[in-house]
C-alpha atoms as a PDB file:
ATOM      1  CA  MET A   1     -28.647  -4.487   1.502  1.00  0.00           C
ATOM      2  CA  LEU A   2     -25.065  -3.256   1.103  1.00  0.00           C
ATOM      3  CA  ILE A   3     -23.736  -2.278  -2.308  1.00  0.00           C
ATOM      4  CA  SER A   4     -19.974  -2.320  -2.666  1.00  0.00           C
ATOM      5  CA  PHE A   5     -18.166  -0.377  -5.376  1.00  0.00           C
ATOM      6  CA  PRO A   6     -14.585  -1.105  -6.445  1.00  0.00           C
ATOM      7  CA  CYS A   7     -12.059   1.528  -5.435  1.00  0.00           C
ATOM      8  CA  HIS A   8     -10.087   1.504  -8.689  1.00  0.00           C
ATOM      9  CA  TRP A   9     -11.125   5.101  -9.228  1.00  0.00           C
ATOM     10  CA  ARG A  10      -9.187   6.124  -6.116  1.00  0.00           C
ATOM     11  CA  SER A  11      -7.101   8.513  -8.209  1.00  0.00           C
ATOM     12  CA  ILE A  12     -10.236  10.664  -8.308  1.00  0.00           C
ATOM     13  CA  ARG A  13     -10.572  12.708  -5.141  1.00  0.00           C
ATOM     14  CA  VAL A  14     -11.717  10.436  -2.306  1.00  0.00           C
ATOM     15  CA  LYS A  15     -13.356  11.725   0.853  1.00  0.00           C
ATOM     16  CA  THR A  16     -11.135  11.680   3.953  1.00  0.00           C
ATOM     17  CA  LYS A  17     -12.378  11.470   7.518  1.00  0.00           C
ATOM     18  CA  THR A  18     -10.382  12.145  10.703  1.00  0.00           C
ATOM     19  CA  MET A  19     -11.088  10.448  14.023  1.00  0.00           C
ATOM     20  CA  PRO A  20      -9.364  10.177  17.415  1.00  0.00           C
ATOM     21  CA  ALA A  21      -7.704   6.854  18.279  1.00  0.00           C
ATOM     22  CA  GLY A  22     -10.045   6.256  21.238  1.00  0.00           C
ATOM     23  CA  LEU A  23     -13.125   6.531  19.048  1.00  0.00           C
ATOM     24  CA  PHE A  24     -11.512   4.357  16.378  1.00  0.00           C
ATOM     25  CA  LYS A  25     -10.705   1.733  19.015  1.00  0.00           C
ATOM     26  CA  SER A  26     -14.311   1.535  20.177  1.00  0.00           C
ATOM     27  CA  LYS A  27     -15.789   1.453  16.645  1.00  0.00           C
ATOM     28  CA  CYS A  28     -12.969  -0.282  14.756  1.00  0.00           C
ATOM     29  CA  LEU A  29     -15.015  -2.934  12.916  1.00  0.00           C
ATOM     30  CA  ALA A  30     -17.752  -0.490  11.916  1.00  0.00           C
ATOM     31  CA  VAL A  31     -15.167   2.010  10.655  1.00  0.00           C
ATOM     32  CA  MET A  32     -13.455  -0.724   8.620  1.00  0.00           C
ATOM     33  CA  ASP A  33     -16.783  -1.677   7.029  1.00  0.00           C
ATOM     34  CA  GLU A  34     -17.473   1.965   6.197  1.00  0.00           C
ATOM     35  CA  VAL A  35     -14.035   2.400   4.610  1.00  0.00           C
ATOM     36  CA  GLN A  36     -14.696  -0.628   2.434  1.00  0.00           C
ATOM     37  CA  THR A  37     -18.252   0.213   1.364  1.00  0.00           C
ATOM     38  CA  LYS A  38     -17.764   3.949   0.826  1.00  0.00           C
ATOM     39  CA  CYS A  39     -14.153   3.782  -0.493  1.00  0.00           C
ATOM     40  CA  GLU A  40     -13.333   6.369   2.132  1.00  0.00           C
ATOM     41  CA  THR A  41     -10.010   7.094   3.851  1.00  0.00           C
ATOM     42  CA  VAL A  42      -9.849   7.539   7.638  1.00  0.00           C
ATOM     43  CA  ILE A  43      -6.937   9.291   9.348  1.00  0.00           C
ATOM     44  CA  ILE A  44      -6.553   8.221  12.977  1.00  0.00           C
ATOM     45  CA  THR A  45      -5.177  10.833  15.360  1.00  0.00           C
ATOM     46  CA  LYS A  46      -3.605  10.731  18.804  1.00  0.00           C
ATOM     47  CA  HIS A  47      -3.682  13.994  20.753  1.00  0.00           C
ATOM     48  CA  GLY A  48      -4.724  15.759  17.548  1.00  0.00           C
ATOM     49  CA  LYS A  49      -1.754  14.515  15.508  1.00  0.00           C
ATOM     50  CA  PRO A  50      -2.202  12.016  12.656  1.00  0.00           C
ATOM     51  CA  VAL A  51      -0.619   8.625  13.429  1.00  0.00           C
ATOM     52  CA  ALA A  52      -2.236   6.197  10.979  1.00  0.00           C
ATOM     53  CA  LYS A  53      -4.273   6.092   7.801  1.00  0.00           C
ATOM     54  CA  LEU A  54      -6.896   3.460   7.003  1.00  0.00           C
ATOM     55  CA  VAL A  55      -7.490   3.175   3.259  1.00  0.00           C
ATOM     56  CA  PRO A  56      -9.659   0.829   1.200  1.00  0.00           C
ATOM     57  CA  VAL A  57      -7.880  -2.095  -0.419  1.00  0.00           C
ATOM     58  CA  ASP A  58      -7.742  -1.944  -4.186  1.00  0.00           C
ATOM     59  CA  SER A  59      -7.908  -5.623  -5.112  1.00  0.00           C
ATOM     60  CA  ASP A  60      -7.354  -4.874  -8.808  1.00  0.00           C
ATOM     61  CA  ARG A  61      -3.796  -3.680  -8.184  1.00  0.00           C
ATOM     62  CA  ASP A  62      -0.894  -6.046  -7.638  1.00  0.00           C
ATOM     63  CA  ASP A  63       1.094  -5.750  -4.468  1.00  0.00           C
ATOM     64  CA  PHE A  64       4.503  -4.177  -5.119  1.00  0.00           C
ATOM     65  CA  TYR A  65       6.390  -7.003  -3.433  1.00  0.00           C
ATOM     66  CA  GLY A  66       6.383 -10.069  -5.611  1.00  0.00           C
ATOM     67  CA  SER A  67       4.740  -8.268  -8.522  1.00  0.00           C
ATOM     68  CA  MET A  68       7.608  -9.188 -10.878  1.00  0.00           C
ATOM     69  CA  GLN A  69       7.593 -12.871  -9.889  1.00  0.00           C
ATOM     70  CA  GLY A  70       7.649 -15.016 -13.018  1.00  0.00           C
ATOM     71  CA  LYS A  71       8.088 -11.985 -15.309  1.00  0.00           C
ATOM     72  CA  ILE A  72      11.900 -11.820 -15.468  1.00  0.00           C
ATOM     73  CA  THR A  73      14.713 -14.299 -15.970  1.00  0.00           C
ATOM     74  CA  ILE A  74      18.160 -13.983 -14.375  1.00  0.00           C
ATOM     75  CA  VAL A  75      20.913 -14.877 -16.828  1.00  0.00           C
ATOM     76  CA  GLY A  76      24.454 -15.263 -15.533  1.00  0.00           C
ATOM     77  CA  ASP A  77      26.100 -14.172 -12.314  1.00  0.00           C
ATOM     78  CA  ILE A  78      24.306 -11.217 -10.721  1.00  0.00           C
ATOM     79  CA  VAL A  79      26.703 -10.971  -7.770  1.00  0.00           C
ATOM     80  CA  GLY A  80      30.174 -11.156  -9.340  1.00  0.00           C
ATOM     81  CA  PRO A  81      32.029  -8.292 -11.078  1.00  0.00           C
ATOM     82  CA  VAL A  82      31.006  -7.267 -14.589  1.00  0.00           C
ATOM     83  CA  ILE A  83      34.536  -7.691 -15.959  1.00  0.00           C
ATOM     84  CA  PRO A  84      37.028 -10.389 -14.915  1.00  0.00           C
ATOM     85  CA  GLU A  85      39.486  -9.469 -12.158  1.00  0.00           C
ATOM     86  CA  GLU A  86      42.426  -9.863 -14.565  1.00  0.00           C
ATOM     87  CA  GLN A  87      41.149  -6.919 -16.625  1.00  0.00           C
ATOM     88  CA  TRP A  88      40.934  -4.492 -13.696  1.00  0.00           C
ATOM     89  CA  ASN A  89      43.189  -1.479 -14.066  1.00  0.00           C
ATOM     90  CA  LEU A  90      44.912  -1.159 -10.690  1.00  0.00           C
ATOM     91  CA  ASP A  91      47.071   1.924 -11.445  1.00  0.00           C
END
């Protein structure tokens, strides 16, 4: 029986694991399951240098892209100049 806890408390210190890319490649699915169930971060290294980070998804948070969709209204021309061209001071 697996018990899954939400990761919304990620701001609290979360355990981080480091593993070489070759080991990650051979155990990818198991590592992904462990990240999800234990809310644990895994840093994947290549020749001892970090190249990627696998973090648990926090489903409670909105994605940044598209998060304002339907929350704002554009009024007027957002591309044109703020003042009419005739009022520009060209001195």
